[in-house]
C-alpha atoms as a PDB file:
ATOM      1  CA  MET A   1     -60.463  56.372 -17.041  1.00  0.00           C
ATOM      2  CA  ASN A   2     -57.857  55.270 -14.645  1.00  0.00           C
ATOM      3  CA  PHE A   3     -58.716  55.206 -11.196  1.00  0.00           C
ATOM      4  CA  LEU A   4     -55.859  55.605  -8.880  1.00  0.00           C
ATOM      5  CA  GLU A   5     -57.341  54.333  -5.417  1.00  0.00           C
ATOM      6  CA  SER A   6     -60.404  53.817  -3.239  1.00  0.00           C
ATOM      7  CA  VAL A   7     -61.928  56.599  -1.735  1.00  0.00           C
ATOM      8  CA  LEU A   8     -64.915  54.665  -0.088  1.00  0.00           C
ATOM      9  CA  GLN A   9     -65.338  50.848   0.831  1.00  0.00           C
ATOM     10  CA  VAL A  10     -68.614  49.806   2.222  1.00  0.00           C
ATOM     11  CA  GLU A  11     -68.378  45.975   3.580  1.00  0.00           C
ATOM     12  CA  ASN A  12     -71.423  44.153   4.491  1.00  0.00           C
ATOM     13  CA  LEU A  13     -73.519  47.159   5.647  1.00  0.00           C
ATOM     14  CA  ARG A  14     -76.543  46.248   7.573  1.00  0.00           C
ATOM     15  CA  LYS A  15     -79.329  48.514   9.158  1.00  0.00           C
ATOM     16  CA  LEU A  16     -82.269  47.313  11.290  1.00  0.00           C
ATOM     17  CA  TYR A  17     -85.099  49.157  12.336  1.00  0.00           C
ATOM     18  CA  GLY A  18     -86.596  47.098  14.959  1.00  0.00           C
ATOM     19  CA  LYS A  19     -87.377  43.816  13.298  1.00  0.00           C
ATOM     20  CA  PHE A  20     -87.207  45.273   9.681  1.00  0.00           C
ATOM     21  CA  GLU A  21     -83.948  44.750   7.831  1.00  0.00           C
ATOM     22  CA  ALA A  22     -83.618  47.925   5.680  1.00  0.00           C
ATOM     23  CA  LEU A  23     -80.036  46.825   4.500  1.00  0.00           C
ATOM     24  CA  LYS A  24     -78.912  43.244   4.321  1.00  0.00           C
ATOM     25  CA  GLY A  25     -75.323  43.141   3.708  1.00  0.00           C
ATOM     26  CA  VAL A  26     -74.390  45.751   1.129  1.00  0.00           C
ATOM     27  CA  SER A  27     -71.019  46.264  -0.178  1.00  0.00           C
ATOM     28  CA  PHE A  28     -69.363  48.525  -2.826  1.00  0.00           C
ATOM     29  CA  GLU A  29     -66.347  50.752  -3.260  1.00  0.00           C
ATOM     30  CA  VAL A  30     -65.947  54.292  -4.922  1.00  0.00           C
ATOM     31  CA  LYS A  31     -62.603  54.954  -6.612  1.00  0.00           C
ATOM     32  CA  LYS A  32     -61.075  58.222  -6.665  1.00  0.00           C
ATOM     33  CA  GLY A  33     -62.382  60.592  -9.532  1.00  0.00           C
ATOM     34  CA  GLU A  34     -65.274  58.297 -10.242  1.00  0.00           C
ATOM     35  CA  VAL A  35     -69.035  58.791 -10.290  1.00  0.00           C
ATOM     36  CA  PHE A  36     -70.653  55.769  -8.833  1.00  0.00           C
ATOM     37  CA  ALA A  37     -74.527  55.430  -9.119  1.00  0.00           C
ATOM     38  CA  LEU A  38     -76.579  53.669  -6.690  1.00  0.00           C
ATOM     39  CA  ILE A  39     -80.055  52.954  -8.283  1.00  0.00           C
ATOM     40  CA  GLY A  40     -83.290  51.018  -7.215  1.00  0.00           C
ATOM     41  CA  PRO A  41     -86.974  51.439  -6.631  1.00  0.00           C
ATOM     42  CA  ASN A  42     -88.635  53.154  -3.732  1.00  0.00           C
ATOM     43  CA  GLY A  43     -87.563  51.603  -0.501  1.00  0.00           C
ATOM     44  CA  ALA A  44     -84.701  49.755  -1.777  1.00  0.00           C
ATOM     45  CA  GLY A  45     -82.349  51.129   0.734  1.00  0.00           C
ATOM     46  CA  LYS A  46     -80.557  53.845  -1.282  1.00  0.00           C
ATOM     47  CA  THR A  47     -81.118  56.867   0.909  1.00  0.00           C
ATOM     48  CA  THR A  48     -80.355  54.739   4.243  1.00  0.00           C
ATOM     49  CA  THR A  49     -77.117  53.748   2.631  1.00  0.00           C
ATOM     50  CA  LEU A  50     -76.171  57.486   1.708  1.00  0.00           C
ATOM     51  CA  ARG A  51     -77.320  58.674   5.185  1.00  0.00           C
ATOM     52  CA  ILE A  52     -75.078  56.133   7.060  1.00  0.00           C
ATOM     53  CA  ILE A  53     -72.287  57.147   4.720  1.00  0.00           C
ATOM     54  CA  ALA A  54     -72.756  60.611   5.588  1.00  0.00           C
ATOM     55  CA  THR A  55     -72.779  59.914   9.288  1.00  0.00           C
ATOM     56  CA  LEU A  56     -76.357  60.852   9.799  1.00  0.00           C
ATOM     57  CA  LEU A  57     -77.380  57.257  10.632  1.00  0.00           C
ATOM     58  CA  THR A  58     -75.667  54.456  12.536  1.00  0.00           C
ATOM     59  CA  PRO A  59     -75.272  51.074  10.800  1.00  0.00           C
ATOM     60  CA  SER A  60     -76.678  48.096  12.773  1.00  0.00           C
ATOM     61  CA  ASP A  61     -73.414  46.132  11.298  1.00  0.00           C
ATOM     62  CA  GLY A  62     -70.849  46.184   8.620  1.00  0.00           C
ATOM     63  CA  LYS A  63     -67.531  48.568   7.989  1.00  0.00           C
ATOM     64  CA  ILE A  64     -67.133  51.709   5.996  1.00  0.00           C
ATOM     65  CA  THR A  65     -63.729  52.717   5.059  1.00  0.00           C
ATOM     66  CA  PHE A  66     -63.227  56.255   3.804  1.00  0.00           C
ATOM     67  CA  VAL A  67     -59.840  57.192   2.438  1.00  0.00           C
ATOM     68  CA  GLY A  68     -58.536  54.650   4.909  1.00  0.00           C
ATOM     69  CA  LYS A  69     -60.022  55.785   8.070  1.00  0.00           C
ATOM     70  CA  ASP A  70     -62.942  53.796   9.662  1.00  0.00           C
ATOM     71  CA  LEU A  71     -66.071  55.823   9.709  1.00  0.00           C
ATOM     72  CA  ARG A  72     -67.275  54.926  13.143  1.00  0.00           C
ATOM     73  CA  LYS A  73     -63.925  55.788  14.778  1.00  0.00           C
ATOM     74  CA  GLU A  74     -62.996  58.977  12.495  1.00  0.00           C
ATOM     75  CA  SER A  75     -66.447  60.370  12.158  1.00  0.00           C
ATOM     76  CA  ASP A  76     -65.266  64.056  12.511  1.00  0.00           C
ATOM     77  CA  PHE A  77     -62.620  63.421   9.876  1.00  0.00           C
ATOM     78  CA  VAL A  78     -65.495  62.107   7.608  1.00  0.00           C
ATOM     79  CA  ARG A  79     -67.725  64.939   8.091  1.00  0.00           C
ATOM     80  CA  GLU A  80     -65.061  67.406   7.316  1.00  0.00           C
ATOM     81  CA  ASN A  81     -64.342  65.591   3.777  1.00  0.00           C
ATOM     82  CA  ILE A  82     -67.672  64.102   2.617  1.00  0.00           C
ATOM     83  CA  SER A  83     -70.370  66.674   1.377  1.00  0.00           C
ATOM     84  CA  TYR A  84     -74.023  65.323   1.306  1.00  0.00           C
ATOM     85  CA  LEU A  85     -76.865  66.819  -0.749  1.00  0.00           C
ATOM     86  CA  PRO A  86     -80.120  65.072   0.129  1.00  0.00           C
ATOM     87  CA  GLU A  87     -83.131  65.338  -2.337  1.00  0.00           C
ATOM     88  CA  GLU A  88     -85.206  67.323   0.270  1.00  0.00           C
ATOM     89  CA  ALA A  89     -82.161  69.893   0.919  1.00  0.00           C
ATOM     90  CA  GLY A  90     -83.297  73.696   1.143  1.00  0.00           C
ATOM     91  CA  ALA A  91     -81.685  76.862   1.701  1.00  0.00           C
ATOM     92  CA  TYR A  92     -82.724  79.845   3.974  1.00  0.00           C
ATOM     93  CA  LYS A  93     -85.229  81.644   2.025  1.00  0.00           C
ATOM     94  CA  ASN A  94     -84.790  84.943   3.831  1.00  0.00           C
ATOM     95  CA  MET A  95     -80.906  84.816   3.030  1.00  0.00           C
ATOM     96  CA  ARG A  96     -79.259  86.406  -0.023  1.00  0.00           C
ATOM     97  CA  GLY A  97     -77.594  83.553  -1.937  1.00  0.00           C
ATOM     98  CA  ILE A  98     -74.204  84.899  -1.409  1.00  0.00           C
ATOM     99  CA  ASP A  99     -74.787  85.191   2.276  1.00  0.00           C
ATOM    100  CA  TYR A 100     -75.861  81.566   2.535  1.00  0.00           C
ATOM    101  CA  LEU A 101     -72.992  80.452   0.736  1.00  0.00           C
ATOM    102  CA  ARG A 102     -70.862  82.392   3.176  1.00  0.00           C
ATOM    103  CA  PHE A 103     -72.595  81.205   6.213  1.00  0.00           C
ATOM    104  CA  MET A 104     -72.276  77.496   5.146  1.00  0.00           C
ATOM    105  CA  ALA A 105     -68.486  78.069   4.236  1.00  0.00           C
ATOM    106  CA  THR A 106     -67.722  79.273   7.764  1.00  0.00           C
ATOM    107  CA  PHE A 107     -68.376  75.607   9.043  1.00  0.00           C
ATOM    108  CA  TYR A 108     -65.451  74.421   6.814  1.00  0.00           C
ATOM    109  CA  ALA A 109     -63.060  77.610   6.215  1.00  0.00           C
ATOM    110  CA  LYS A 110     -60.019  77.421   8.721  1.00  0.00           C
ATOM    111  CA  ASP A 111     -59.109  81.130   7.925  1.00  0.00           C
ATOM    112  CA  GLN A 112     -60.518  83.891   5.881  1.00  0.00           C
ATOM    113  CA  ARG A 113     -58.336  83.279   2.808  1.00  0.00           C
ATOM    114  CA  GLU A 114     -59.842  79.691   2.691  1.00  0.00           C
ATOM    115  CA  LEU A 115     -63.388  81.303   3.233  1.00  0.00           C
ATOM    116  CA  ASP A 116     -62.812  83.535   0.222  1.00  0.00           C
ATOM    117  CA  GLU A 117     -61.566  80.651  -1.877  1.00  0.00           C
ATOM    118  CA  PHE A 118     -64.829  78.673  -1.084  1.00  0.00           C
ATOM    119  CA  LEU A 119     -66.951  81.416  -1.849  1.00  0.00           C
ATOM    120  CA  GLU A 120     -65.121  82.374  -5.244  1.00  0.00           C
ATOM    121  CA  ARG A 121     -65.471  78.560  -6.127  1.00  0.00           C
ATOM    122  CA  ALA A 122     -69.248  78.462  -5.233  1.00  0.00           C
ATOM    123  CA  LYS A 123     -69.708  81.211  -7.494  1.00  0.00           C
ATOM    124  CA  GLN A 124     -68.254  79.629 -10.399  1.00  0.00           C
ATOM    125  CA  ILE A 125     -70.123  76.598  -9.779  1.00  0.00           C
ATOM    126  CA  CYS A 126     -73.626  77.894  -9.333  1.00  0.00           C
ATOM    127  CA  ARG A 127     -73.232  80.371 -12.407  1.00  0.00           C
ATOM    128  CA  LEU A 128     -75.850  82.769 -10.790  1.00  0.00           C
ATOM    129  CA  GLY A 129     -73.877  85.893 -11.218  1.00  0.00           C
ATOM    130  CA  ASP A 130     -75.709  89.040 -10.050  1.00  0.00           C
ATOM    131  CA  ARG A 131     -78.778  86.733  -8.682  1.00  0.00           C
ATOM    132  CA  LEU A 132     -76.556  85.871  -5.699  1.00  0.00           C
ATOM    133  CA  LYS A 133     -77.263  89.342  -4.276  1.00  0.00           C
ATOM    134  CA  ASP A 134     -81.074  88.272  -4.125  1.00  0.00           C
ATOM    135  CA  LYS A 135     -82.982  86.498  -1.528  1.00  0.00           C
ATOM    136  CA  VAL A 136     -83.194  82.818  -1.972  1.00  0.00           C
ATOM    137  CA  GLY A 137     -86.957  82.924  -1.607  1.00  0.00           C
ATOM    138  CA  THR A 138     -87.002  84.550  -5.114  1.00  0.00           C
ATOM    139  CA  TYR A 139     -85.190  81.627  -6.783  1.00  0.00           C
ATOM    140  CA  SER A 140     -86.541  79.057  -9.226  1.00  0.00           C
ATOM    141  CA  LYS A 141     -86.299  75.478  -8.241  1.00  0.00           C
ATOM    142  CA  GLY A 142     -83.422  75.165 -10.712  1.00  0.00           C
ATOM    143  CA  MET A 143     -81.498  78.096  -9.310  1.00  0.00           C
ATOM    144  CA  THR A 144     -81.885  76.669  -5.750  1.00  0.00           C
ATOM    145  CA  ARG A 145     -80.588  73.687  -6.814  1.00  0.00           C
ATOM    146  CA  LYS A 146     -77.530  75.255  -8.289  1.00  0.00           C
ATOM    147  CA  LEU A 147     -76.957  76.949  -4.885  1.00  0.00           C
ATOM    148  CA  LEU A 148     -77.181  73.998  -3.006  1.00  0.00           C
ATOM    149  CA  LEU A 149     -74.964  72.184  -5.368  1.00  0.00           C
ATOM    150  CA  ALA A 150     -72.363  74.811  -5.235  1.00  0.00           C
ATOM    151  CA  ARG A 151     -72.719  74.681  -1.225  1.00  0.00           C
ATOM    152  CA  ALA A 152     -71.901  70.761  -1.629  1.00  0.00           C
ATOM    153  CA  LEU A 153     -68.947  71.110  -3.821  1.00  0.00           C
ATOM    154  CA  MET A 154     -67.226  74.488  -2.992  1.00  0.00           C
ATOM    155  CA  THR A 155     -64.917  72.768  -0.348  1.00  0.00           C
ATOM    156  CA  LYS A 156     -63.551  70.295  -3.097  1.00  0.00           C
ATOM    157  CA  PRO A 157     -64.700  67.249  -0.836  1.00  0.00           C
ATOM    158  CA  ALA A 158     -63.079  63.963  -1.103  1.00  0.00           C
ATOM    159  CA  LEU A 159     -66.259  62.437  -1.766  1.00  0.00           C
ATOM    160  CA  ALA A 160     -69.845  64.356  -2.722  1.00  0.00           C
ATOM    161  CA  ILE A 161     -73.045  62.253  -1.951  1.00  0.00           C
ATOM    162  CA  LEU A 162     -75.783  63.476  -4.501  1.00  0.00           C
ATOM    163  CA  ASP A 163     -79.361  62.190  -3.701  1.00  0.00           C
ATOM    164  CA  GLU A 164     -81.475  62.919  -6.691  1.00  0.00           C
ATOM    165  CA  PRO A 165     -79.603  66.149  -7.859  1.00  0.00           C
ATOM    166  CA  THR A 166     -81.875  67.056 -10.639  1.00  0.00           C
ATOM    167  CA  SER A 167     -85.309  65.888  -9.228  1.00  0.00           C
ATOM    168  CA  GLY A 168     -88.194  68.365 -10.183  1.00  0.00           C
ATOM    169  CA  LEU A 169     -86.012  70.378 -12.381  1.00  0.00           C
ATOM    170  CA  ASP A 170     -86.570  71.075 -16.182  1.00  0.00           C
ATOM    171  CA  VAL A 171     -84.336  69.796 -18.977  1.00  0.00           C
ATOM    172  CA  ILE A 172     -82.118  72.866 -19.372  1.00  0.00           C
ATOM    173  CA  ASN A 173     -81.424  73.067 -15.515  1.00  0.00           C
ATOM    174  CA  ALA A 174     -81.104  69.342 -15.324  1.00  0.00           C
ATOM    175  CA  LEU A 175     -78.510  69.363 -18.147  1.00  0.00           C
ATOM    176  CA  GLU A 176     -76.603  72.272 -16.431  1.00  0.00           C
ATOM    177  CA  ILE A 177     -76.448  70.264 -13.065  1.00  0.00           C
ATOM    178  CA  ARG A 178     -75.036  67.359 -14.816  1.00  0.00           C
ATOM    179  CA  GLU A 179     -72.555  69.266 -16.742  1.00  0.00           C
ATOM    180  CA  ILE A 180     -71.365  70.748 -13.269  1.00  0.00           C
ATOM    181  CA  ILE A 181     -71.078  67.451 -11.610  1.00  0.00           C
ATOM    182  CA  ARG A 182     -69.047  65.982 -14.469  1.00  0.00           C
ATOM    183  CA  GLU A 183     -66.785  69.045 -14.815  1.00  0.00           C
ATOM    184  CA  TYR A 184     -65.927  68.939 -10.994  1.00  0.00           C
ATOM    185  CA  VAL A 185     -65.135  65.273 -10.953  1.00  0.00           C
ATOM    186  CA  LYS A 186     -62.303  66.148 -13.315  1.00  0.00           C
ATOM    187  CA  GLU A 187     -60.719  68.193 -10.275  1.00  0.00           C
ATOM    188  CA  GLY A 188     -60.520  65.001  -8.115  1.00  0.00           C
ATOM    189  CA  THR A 189     -63.773  64.720  -6.258  1.00  0.00           C
ATOM    190  CA  SER A 190     -65.337  61.499  -6.298  1.00  0.00           C
ATOM    191  CA  VAL A 191     -69.302  61.307  -6.602  1.00  0.00           C
ATOM    192  CA  LEU A 192     -71.863  59.009  -5.146  1.00  0.00           C
ATOM    193  CA  LEU A 193     -74.950  59.389  -6.858  1.00  0.00           C
ATOM    194  CA  SER A 194     -78.630  58.372  -6.507  1.00  0.00           C
ATOM    195  CA  SER A 195     -81.132  59.216  -9.157  1.00  0.00           C
ATOM    196  CA  HIS A 196     -84.327  57.500 -10.705  1.00  0.00           C
ATOM    197  CA  ASN A 197     -83.409  59.205 -13.794  1.00  0.00           C
ATOM    198  CA  MET A 198     -81.609  56.519 -16.125  1.00  0.00           C
ATOM    199  CA  LEU A 199     -80.662  58.773 -18.840  1.00  0.00           C
ATOM    200  CA  GLU A 200     -78.916  60.830 -16.086  1.00  0.00           C
ATOM    201  CA  ILE A 201     -77.114  57.800 -14.700  1.00  0.00           C
ATOM    202  CA  GLU A 202     -75.894  56.608 -18.137  1.00  0.00           C
ATOM    203  CA  PHE A 203     -74.612  60.313 -18.862  1.00  0.00           C
ATOM    204  CA  LEU A 204     -73.002  60.899 -15.309  1.00  0.00           C
ATOM    205  CA  SER A 205     -71.776  57.493 -13.871  1.00  0.00           C
ATOM    206  CA  ASP A 206     -68.719  55.486 -14.492  1.00  0.00           C
ATOM    207  CA  ARG A 207     -70.141  52.477 -12.466  1.00  0.00           C
ATOM    208  CA  VAL A 208     -73.809  51.515 -11.421  1.00  0.00           C
ATOM    209  CA  ALA A 209     -74.977  49.367  -8.528  1.00  0.00           C
ATOM    210  CA  LEU A 210     -78.487  48.270  -8.549  1.00  0.00           C
ATOM    211  CA  ILE A 211     -79.980  47.776  -5.184  1.00  0.00           C
ATOM    212  CA  ASN A 212     -83.384  46.268  -4.203  1.00  0.00           C
ATOM    213  CA  GLN A 213     -84.869  45.271  -0.928  1.00  0.00           C
ATOM    214  CA  GLY A 214     -81.621  45.956   0.985  1.00  0.00           C
ATOM    215  CA  LYS A 215     -79.387  43.922  -1.174  1.00  0.00           C
ATOM    216  CA  ILE A 216     -76.703  44.907  -4.241  1.00  0.00           C
ATOM    217  CA  LEU A 217     -78.117  42.730  -7.136  1.00  0.00           C
ATOM    218  CA  GLU A 218     -75.652  44.223  -9.773  1.00  0.00           C
ATOM    219  CA  THR A 219     -72.440  46.359 -10.358  1.00  0.00           C
ATOM    220  CA  GLY A 220     -70.828  47.172 -13.504  1.00  0.00           C
ATOM    221  CA  THR A 221     -70.516  49.954 -16.029  1.00  0.00           C
ATOM    222  CA  SER A 222     -73.561  50.936 -17.981  1.00  0.00           C
ATOM    223  CA  GLU A 223     -72.345  49.124 -21.083  1.00  0.00           C
ATOM    224  CA  GLU A 224     -71.428  46.078 -19.037  1.00  0.00           C
ATOM    225  CA  LEU A 225     -74.904  45.960 -17.700  1.00  0.00           C
ATOM    226  CA  LYS A 226     -76.607  46.692 -20.917  1.00  0.00           C
ATOM    227  CA  GLU A 227     -74.620  43.819 -22.606  1.00  0.00           C
ATOM    228  CA  ARG A 228     -75.077  41.363 -19.631  1.00  0.00           C
ATOM    229  CA  TYR A 229     -78.925  41.751 -19.926  1.00  0.00           C
ATOM    230  CA  ASN A 230     -79.075  42.079 -23.677  1.00  0.00           C
ATOM    231  CA  ALA A 231     -80.834  45.531 -22.916  1.00  0.00           C
ATOM    232  CA  LYS A 232     -80.932  48.778 -25.235  1.00  0.00           C
ATOM    233  CA  ASN A 233     -80.741  50.956 -22.183  1.00  0.00           C
ATOM    234  CA  LEU A 234     -80.372  51.145 -18.179  1.00  0.00           C
ATOM    235  CA  GLU A 235     -84.188  51.468 -17.747  1.00  0.00           C
ATOM    236  CA  GLU A 236     -84.578  47.601 -19.377  1.00  0.00           C
ATOM    237  CA  VAL A 237     -81.550  46.567 -17.174  1.00  0.00           C
ATOM    238  CA  PHE A 238     -83.290  48.152 -14.241  1.00  0.00           C
ATOM    239  CA  ARG A 239     -86.691  46.248 -14.894  1.00  0.00           C
ATOM    240  CA  ARG A 240     -85.234  42.898 -15.701  1.00  0.00           C
ATOM    241  CA  VAL A 241     -82.892  42.811 -12.421  1.00  0.00           C
ATOM    242  CA  VAL A 242     -85.557  44.084 -10.127  1.00  0.00           C
ATOM    243  CA  GLN A 243     -88.402  41.916 -11.344  1.00  0.00           C
END
């Protein structure tokens, strides 16, 4: 794959909670049309990193550049062009699926034409058909996750941040979510992905960064990392790097 340019550059990112240093100089970049995966054990700093990039947390130090703009100085621009789907995200259970998507689209659409465009795209992404007329509270976990993914991708953000996008889903729903993500990347959206599922990482990602104790320990394609550590799969790489 030919990557044209960098969408996101993270340089020496640090985050302190009192005396505890959650991030200790994290640096990486995400290129246009790339799925970049950030993997590591619980407490490694993945979610903190994602939340800082999504402007939900303020970094203690370091620089983040998003399509050439400084995240701290241009936070409104960043919020308009980055979409964040956290692992614990939910939708309003008393709303119909289509009404939820319409409500979320109003925050981004400049006019009615664009709102209709977002809604049509969301319908195609979530593949829920007539079930969009039903209340979200009647949805399975897989259906809810598809709805949320549609919400995250319907505006065609320059960067979609997806934290554990298939967490808790069965095999069929997880496969469908992965297919949707890969399909959408072809249209130009870059993805910053975090997941504990190493098979998912191998299937989805173009490059992988392994993070532990607030530091990036390795970066490369799945094949490069497996070769580097003489490993059969990413799970073996993960264990050897972290231990």
